[in-house]
């Protein structure tokens, strides 16, 4: 099963907001999207990054405040459609989109994929639907970016098969098996946004963590964002607990590659890499290859 990272635009933000005590100079933060190809389920995206419609969604007031606080740039070559076309992939070929959370820089391209089934948590979807205009904006939501038929094309993570993770992924213990085959596991990473989930690619040990932490520096040096960033968070205490867990995993198991959604260094490291595993069986049959699994099996009990 393949996995490739794509940079779909970037935003500008003072470095000191993301890393407390750092410079006030403006820094680029890429919007990293993952393109996966499941042997029987087809193409899947992890988030969509930016899209041109982000500009129209942030044209009126007060939505324009979003654009002022985090100016974004998306050149034609980084447009997700263009990058997929370059790889011979049409929009209709994308069968699933895993939504880590509903912040605008992660969902701006949802409307571009009319054939895709969306996978997200129930809490994440309800949060963007229930929060009012101003409170939702403060939390990073732009409801106009949602497809009108999102609820008709939805699979909730909580409806997937729950499972225990192998101890190699400790301190994380629980996950949801998206296709009941042990290949892609959704792991709760609370705190940054309501219903925030990451995606664990078992065979390659790649952990797509969305905005659970913004950069790898948070994992290696215990850096923390400026308190003003707390306004965006759904739960500050849970956010720091999640970062601490990711940091523990990072230090304990170097075979697991943790991919924050806005880390420039991580993107550079992975950008020329395309993972592939040709030995997968028929995943629709739900057969679990225990040798490659991140799940607890009878042999581990």
Protein backbone atom coordinates (compact mmCIF):
# COMPACT_ATOMS: atom_id res chain seq x y z
CA UNK A 1 0.00 0.00 0.00
CA UNK A 2 1.50 3.31 -1.06
CA UNK A 3 1.75 6.63 0.76
CA UNK A 4 3.04 9.94 -0.56
CA UNK A 5 3.12 13.38 1.03
CA UNK A 6 1.98 16.41 -0.98
CA UNK A 7 2.35 20.09 -0.12
CA UNK A 8 -0.92 21.85 -0.93
CA UNK A 9 -0.16 25.51 -0.28
CA UNK A 10 1.14 27.14 2.86
CA UNK A 11 0.26 29.86 5.33
CA UNK A 12 2.35 32.50 7.06
CA UNK A 13 2.43 32.89 10.80
CA UNK A 14 4.82 34.35 13.39
CA UNK A 15 7.20 31.64 14.51
CA UNK A 16 6.71 32.68 18.14
CA UNK A 17 3.03 31.66 18.04
CA UNK A 18 3.91 28.07 17.22
CA UNK A 19 7.09 27.92 19.35
CA UNK A 20 7.03 29.98 22.52
CA UNK A 21 10.06 32.26 22.80
CA UNK A 22 10.96 32.04 19.11
CA UNK A 23 11.28 34.93 16.68
CA UNK A 24 8.34 37.13 15.72
CA UNK A 25 9.32 36.88 12.07
CA UNK A 26 6.79 35.37 9.70
CA UNK A 27 7.37 31.72 8.84
CA UNK A 28 5.92 29.44 6.17
CA UNK A 29 3.88 26.49 7.38
CA UNK A 30 3.07 23.97 4.64
CA UNK A 31 -0.33 22.29 4.41
CA UNK A 32 0.66 18.63 4.11
CA UNK A 33 -1.74 16.15 2.53
CA UNK A 34 -1.17 12.41 2.26
CA UNK A 35 -2.10 10.44 -0.85
CA UNK A 36 -2.62 6.75 -0.12
CA UNK A 37 -3.51 3.88 -2.41
CA UNK A 38 -5.19 0.91 -0.79
CA UNK A 39 -4.91 -2.32 -2.83
CA UNK A 40 -8.65 -2.90 -2.96
CA UNK A 41 -10.24 0.33 -1.69
CA UNK A 42 -8.39 2.57 -4.12
CA UNK A 43 -7.11 6.10 -3.57
CA UNK A 44 -7.54 7.93 -0.29
CA UNK A 45 -6.53 11.39 0.87
CA UNK A 46 -5.60 12.37 4.39
CA UNK A 47 -7.04 15.92 4.48
CA UNK A 48 -7.04 18.19 1.41
CA UNK A 49 -5.01 21.24 2.42
CA UNK A 50 -5.84 24.59 0.86
CA UNK A 51 -7.89 25.31 -2.27
CA UNK A 52 -8.62 28.52 -4.16
CA UNK A 53 -12.13 28.65 -2.68
CA UNK A 54 -10.53 29.42 0.67
CA UNK A 55 -10.12 32.98 -0.66
CA UNK A 56 -13.82 33.38 -1.50
CA UNK A 57 -14.81 31.78 1.82
CA UNK A 58 -12.74 34.38 3.67
CA UNK A 59 -13.83 37.36 1.55
CA UNK A 60 -16.73 38.59 3.74
CA UNK A 61 -16.38 39.89 7.27
CA UNK A 62 -15.84 38.43 9.86
CA UNK A 63 -14.42 35.44 7.93
CA UNK A 64 -11.80 37.78 6.47
CA UNK A 65 -10.16 37.81 9.91
CA UNK A 66 -9.07 34.20 9.27
CA UNK A 67 -7.19 35.29 6.15
CA UNK A 68 -5.62 38.25 7.95
CA UNK A 69 -4.39 36.13 10.86
CA UNK A 70 -2.97 33.33 8.70
CA UNK A 71 -2.38 34.58 5.14
CA UNK A 72 -2.17 31.69 2.74
CA UNK A 73 -0.51 31.09 -0.62
CA UNK A 74 -1.40 28.42 -3.16
CA UNK A 75 0.36 28.40 -6.53
CA UNK A 76 -1.05 26.45 -9.46
CA UNK A 77 1.61 23.74 -9.29
CA UNK A 78 0.70 23.00 -5.65
CA UNK A 79 -3.04 22.86 -6.34
CA UNK A 80 -4.16 19.39 -5.28
CA UNK A 81 -5.97 18.79 -8.58
CA UNK A 82 -2.80 19.61 -10.51
CA UNK A 83 -0.65 17.33 -8.38
CA UNK A 84 -3.07 14.45 -8.76
CA UNK A 85 -3.34 15.04 -12.53
CA UNK A 86 0.44 14.90 -12.75
CA UNK A 87 0.22 11.41 -11.24
CA UNK A 88 -2.52 10.31 -13.62
CA UNK A 89 -5.23 10.51 -10.96
CA UNK A 90 -8.61 12.14 -11.65
CA UNK A 91 -10.74 13.72 -8.93
CA UNK A 92 -13.28 10.91 -9.44
CA UNK A 93 -10.55 8.36 -8.64
CA UNK A 94 -10.35 9.54 -5.03
CA UNK A 95 -12.65 7.15 -3.22
CA UNK A 96 -12.08 8.23 0.39
CA UNK A 97 -11.00 11.35 2.23
CA UNK A 98 -9.96 10.98 5.86
CA UNK A 99 -10.64 14.25 7.66
CA UNK A 100 -8.37 14.69 10.67
CA UNK A 101 -10.46 17.69 11.81
CA UNK A 102 -12.49 20.46 10.25
CA UNK A 103 -10.17 23.46 10.36
CA UNK A 104 -10.34 25.29 7.05
CA UNK A 105 -6.75 24.62 6.01
CA UNK A 106 -7.50 20.88 6.14
CA UNK A 107 -10.84 20.75 4.31
CA UNK A 108 -10.77 23.55 1.72
CA UNK A 109 -10.65 21.02 -1.12
CA UNK A 110 -13.49 18.70 -0.06
CA UNK A 111 -15.87 20.02 -2.73
CA UNK A 112 -13.40 19.06 -5.47
CA UNK A 113 -13.97 15.33 -4.97
CA UNK A 114 -17.60 14.48 -5.80
CA UNK A 115 -17.12 10.70 -5.71
CA UNK A 116 -15.31 10.50 -2.38
CA UNK A 117 -16.64 9.06 0.84
CA UNK A 118 -15.66 11.17 3.83
CA UNK A 119 -14.29 9.57 6.98
CA UNK A 120 -14.31 11.63 10.17
CA UNK A 121 -15.32 11.49 13.81
CA UNK A 122 -18.85 12.27 14.93
CA UNK A 123 -17.59 14.86 17.39
CA UNK A 124 -15.58 16.64 14.69
CA UNK A 125 -18.56 16.95 12.35
CA UNK A 126 -20.97 18.05 15.07
CA UNK A 127 -18.55 20.75 16.23
CA UNK A 128 -18.47 22.58 12.90
CA UNK A 129 -22.25 22.25 12.66
CA UNK A 130 -23.11 23.43 16.18
CA UNK A 131 -20.70 26.29 16.81
CA UNK A 132 -22.03 29.73 15.99
CA UNK A 133 -20.63 32.08 13.37
CA UNK A 134 -18.15 33.93 15.59
CA UNK A 135 -17.19 31.14 17.97
CA UNK A 136 -16.70 28.77 15.05
CA UNK A 137 -14.46 31.30 13.31
CA UNK A 138 -12.30 31.68 16.42
CA UNK A 139 -11.91 27.89 16.44
CA UNK A 140 -10.82 27.84 12.77
CA UNK A 141 -14.05 26.72 11.10
CA UNK A 142 -15.49 27.91 7.77
CA UNK A 143 -18.73 25.91 7.26
CA UNK A 144 -19.12 27.20 3.69
CA UNK A 145 -16.28 24.86 2.69
CA UNK A 146 -18.41 21.79 3.47
CA UNK A 147 -20.10 19.94 0.58
CA UNK A 148 -23.86 20.18 0.86
CA UNK A 149 -24.19 16.39 0.76
CA UNK A 150 -21.46 15.61 3.28
CA UNK A 151 -23.83 13.75 5.61
CA UNK A 152 -24.94 11.48 2.77
CA UNK A 153 -21.35 10.54 1.93
CA UNK A 154 -20.07 9.96 5.42
CA UNK A 155 -18.52 7.12 7.39
CA UNK A 156 -18.03 7.90 11.06
CA UNK A 157 -14.80 6.68 12.62
CA UNK A 158 -16.71 5.55 15.69
CA UNK A 159 -18.65 3.12 13.47
CA UNK A 160 -15.44 1.34 12.43
CA UNK A 161 -14.08 -1.71 14.22
CA UNK A 162 -12.43 -0.78 17.55
CA UNK A 163 -9.12 -2.45 18.31
CA UNK A 164 -6.14 -2.51 20.67
CA UNK A 165 -2.82 -1.26 19.38
CA UNK A 166 0.39 -3.26 19.65
CA UNK A 167 2.71 -2.15 22.45
CA UNK A 168 5.16 -0.77 19.85
CA UNK A 169 2.77 2.19 19.57
CA UNK A 170 2.62 2.79 23.33
CA UNK A 171 1.49 5.01 25.03
CA UNK A 172 -1.35 4.92 22.47
CA UNK A 173 -3.56 1.93 23.22
CA UNK A 174 -6.76 2.15 21.20
CA UNK A 175 -7.73 2.71 17.58
CA UNK A 176 -10.42 2.12 14.99
CA UNK A 177 -9.67 -0.20 12.06
CA UNK A 178 -11.03 1.68 9.03
CA UNK A 179 -11.42 -1.29 6.67
CA UNK A 180 -11.24 -4.15 9.21
CA UNK A 181 -7.96 -5.34 7.67
CA UNK A 182 -5.33 -3.96 10.06
CA UNK A 183 -3.86 -1.63 7.42
CA UNK A 184 -5.12 1.84 8.37
CA UNK A 185 -5.99 2.69 11.96
CA UNK A 186 -7.63 5.89 13.20
CA UNK A 187 -6.19 7.07 16.53
CA UNK A 188 -7.78 9.75 18.70
CA UNK A 189 -5.48 12.75 19.22
CA UNK A 190 -7.63 15.16 21.24
CA UNK A 191 -7.00 18.74 22.23
CA UNK A 192 -6.21 20.70 19.08
CA UNK A 193 -9.73 20.46 17.68
CA UNK A 194 -12.96 18.69 18.55
CA UNK A 195 -12.87 15.07 17.45
CA UNK A 196 -9.30 15.28 16.13
CA UNK A 197 -7.94 11.95 14.81
CA UNK A 198 -4.68 10.79 13.28
CA UNK A 199 -4.14 7.94 10.84
CA UNK A 200 -1.65 5.14 11.40
CA UNK A 201 -0.27 3.38 8.30
CA UNK A 202 0.70 0.09 9.90
CA UNK A 203 2.98 -1.51 7.29
CA UNK A 204 5.27 1.51 7.06
CA UNK A 205 4.85 2.70 10.64
CA UNK A 206 3.84 6.16 9.44
CA UNK A 207 1.66 8.16 11.82
CA UNK A 208 -0.17 11.06 10.18
CA UNK A 209 -1.01 13.23 13.18
CA UNK A 210 -2.61 16.28 11.58
CA UNK A 211 -2.39 19.25 13.96
CA UNK A 212 -1.90 17.19 17.12
CA UNK A 213 1.48 18.91 17.02
CA UNK A 214 2.49 21.54 14.49
CA UNK A 215 6.17 20.64 14.08
CA UNK A 216 8.59 17.89 15.03
CA UNK A 217 10.32 20.39 17.31
CA UNK A 218 7.44 19.91 19.75
CA UNK A 219 8.41 16.23 19.96
CA UNK A 220 12.16 16.62 20.23
CA UNK A 221 12.56 19.65 22.49
CA UNK A 222 9.26 19.83 24.39
CA UNK A 223 8.60 23.26 22.87
CA UNK A 224 5.16 24.75 23.45
CA UNK A 225 3.10 27.29 21.50
CA UNK A 226 2.45 30.81 22.73
CA UNK A 227 -0.59 31.03 25.06
CA UNK A 228 -2.44 33.05 22.43
CA UNK A 229 -2.65 29.82 20.40
CA UNK A 230 -4.83 28.39 23.17
CA UNK A 231 -7.75 30.36 21.74
CA UNK A 232 -7.82 27.95 18.80
CA UNK A 233 -7.65 24.76 20.86
CA UNK A 234 -10.66 22.71 21.87
CA UNK A 235 -9.01 21.57 25.12
CA UNK A 236 -5.61 22.92 26.17
CA UNK A 237 -4.95 20.23 28.78
CA UNK A 238 -5.73 17.42 26.35
CA UNK A 239 -3.62 19.12 23.67
CA UNK A 240 -0.50 19.03 25.84
CA UNK A 241 -1.24 15.48 26.97
CA UNK A 242 -1.43 14.41 23.32
CA UNK A 243 1.88 16.12 22.52
CA UNK A 244 3.49 14.40 25.51
CA UNK A 245 2.22 11.02 24.29
CA UNK A 246 3.54 11.66 20.77
CA UNK A 247 6.87 12.71 22.25
CA UNK A 248 7.03 9.47 24.24
CA UNK A 249 6.31 7.45 21.10
CA UNK A 250 8.90 9.45 19.14
CA UNK A 251 11.63 8.73 21.72
CA UNK A 252 10.63 5.12 22.35
CA UNK A 253 10.22 3.82 18.80
CA UNK A 254 12.32 5.38 16.06
CA UNK A 255 10.73 3.02 13.53
CA UNK A 256 7.51 5.04 13.73
CA UNK A 257 7.58 8.11 11.50
CA UNK A 258 5.41 10.89 12.98
CA UNK A 259 4.14 13.37 10.38
CA UNK A 260 2.70 16.68 11.62
CA UNK A 261 0.58 18.45 9.00
CA UNK A 262 2.55 21.73 9.02
CA UNK A 263 6.17 20.70 9.58
CA UNK A 264 8.45 21.90 6.76
CA UNK A 265 11.36 19.66 7.82
CA UNK A 266 9.14 16.58 7.86
CA UNK A 267 7.82 17.36 4.39
CA UNK A 268 11.32 17.83 2.97
CA UNK A 269 12.37 14.53 4.53
CA UNK A 270 9.46 12.66 2.99
CA UNK A 271 8.78 14.55 -0.23
CA UNK A 272 10.98 12.38 -2.42
CA UNK A 273 9.84 9.16 -0.80
CA UNK A 274 7.07 6.92 -2.06
CA UNK A 275 6.26 3.91 0.10
CA UNK A 276 4.89 0.76 -1.36
CA UNK A 277 3.96 -2.69 -0.19
CA UNK A 278 3.10 -5.22 -2.86
CA UNK A 279 2.37 -8.10 -0.49
CA UNK A 280 -1.09 -7.16 0.75
CA UNK A 281 -3.85 -9.71 0.48
CA UNK A 282 -7.49 -9.11 -0.39
CA UNK A 283 -8.40 -6.50 2.21
CA UNK A 284 -12.11 -6.57 1.42
CA UNK A 285 -12.17 -10.06 2.91
CA UNK A 286 -11.05 -8.63 6.23
CA UNK A 287 -8.07 -10.98 6.44
CA UNK A 288 -5.52 -9.69 8.95
CA UNK A 289 -1.83 -10.25 8.22
CA UNK A 290 -0.73 -10.58 11.82
CA UNK A 291 2.95 -10.40 10.93
CA UNK A 292 2.57 -6.80 9.74
CA UNK A 293 -0.18 -5.72 12.07
CA UNK A 294 -0.12 -2.99 14.66
CA UNK A 295 -3.03 -4.71 16.41
CA UNK A 296 -2.88 -6.94 19.44
CA UNK A 297 -3.36 -10.54 18.30
CA UNK A 298 -3.85 -13.78 20.19
CA UNK A 299 -0.08 -14.36 20.05
CA UNK A 300 0.51 -11.11 21.94
CA UNK A 301 -1.88 -11.86 24.79
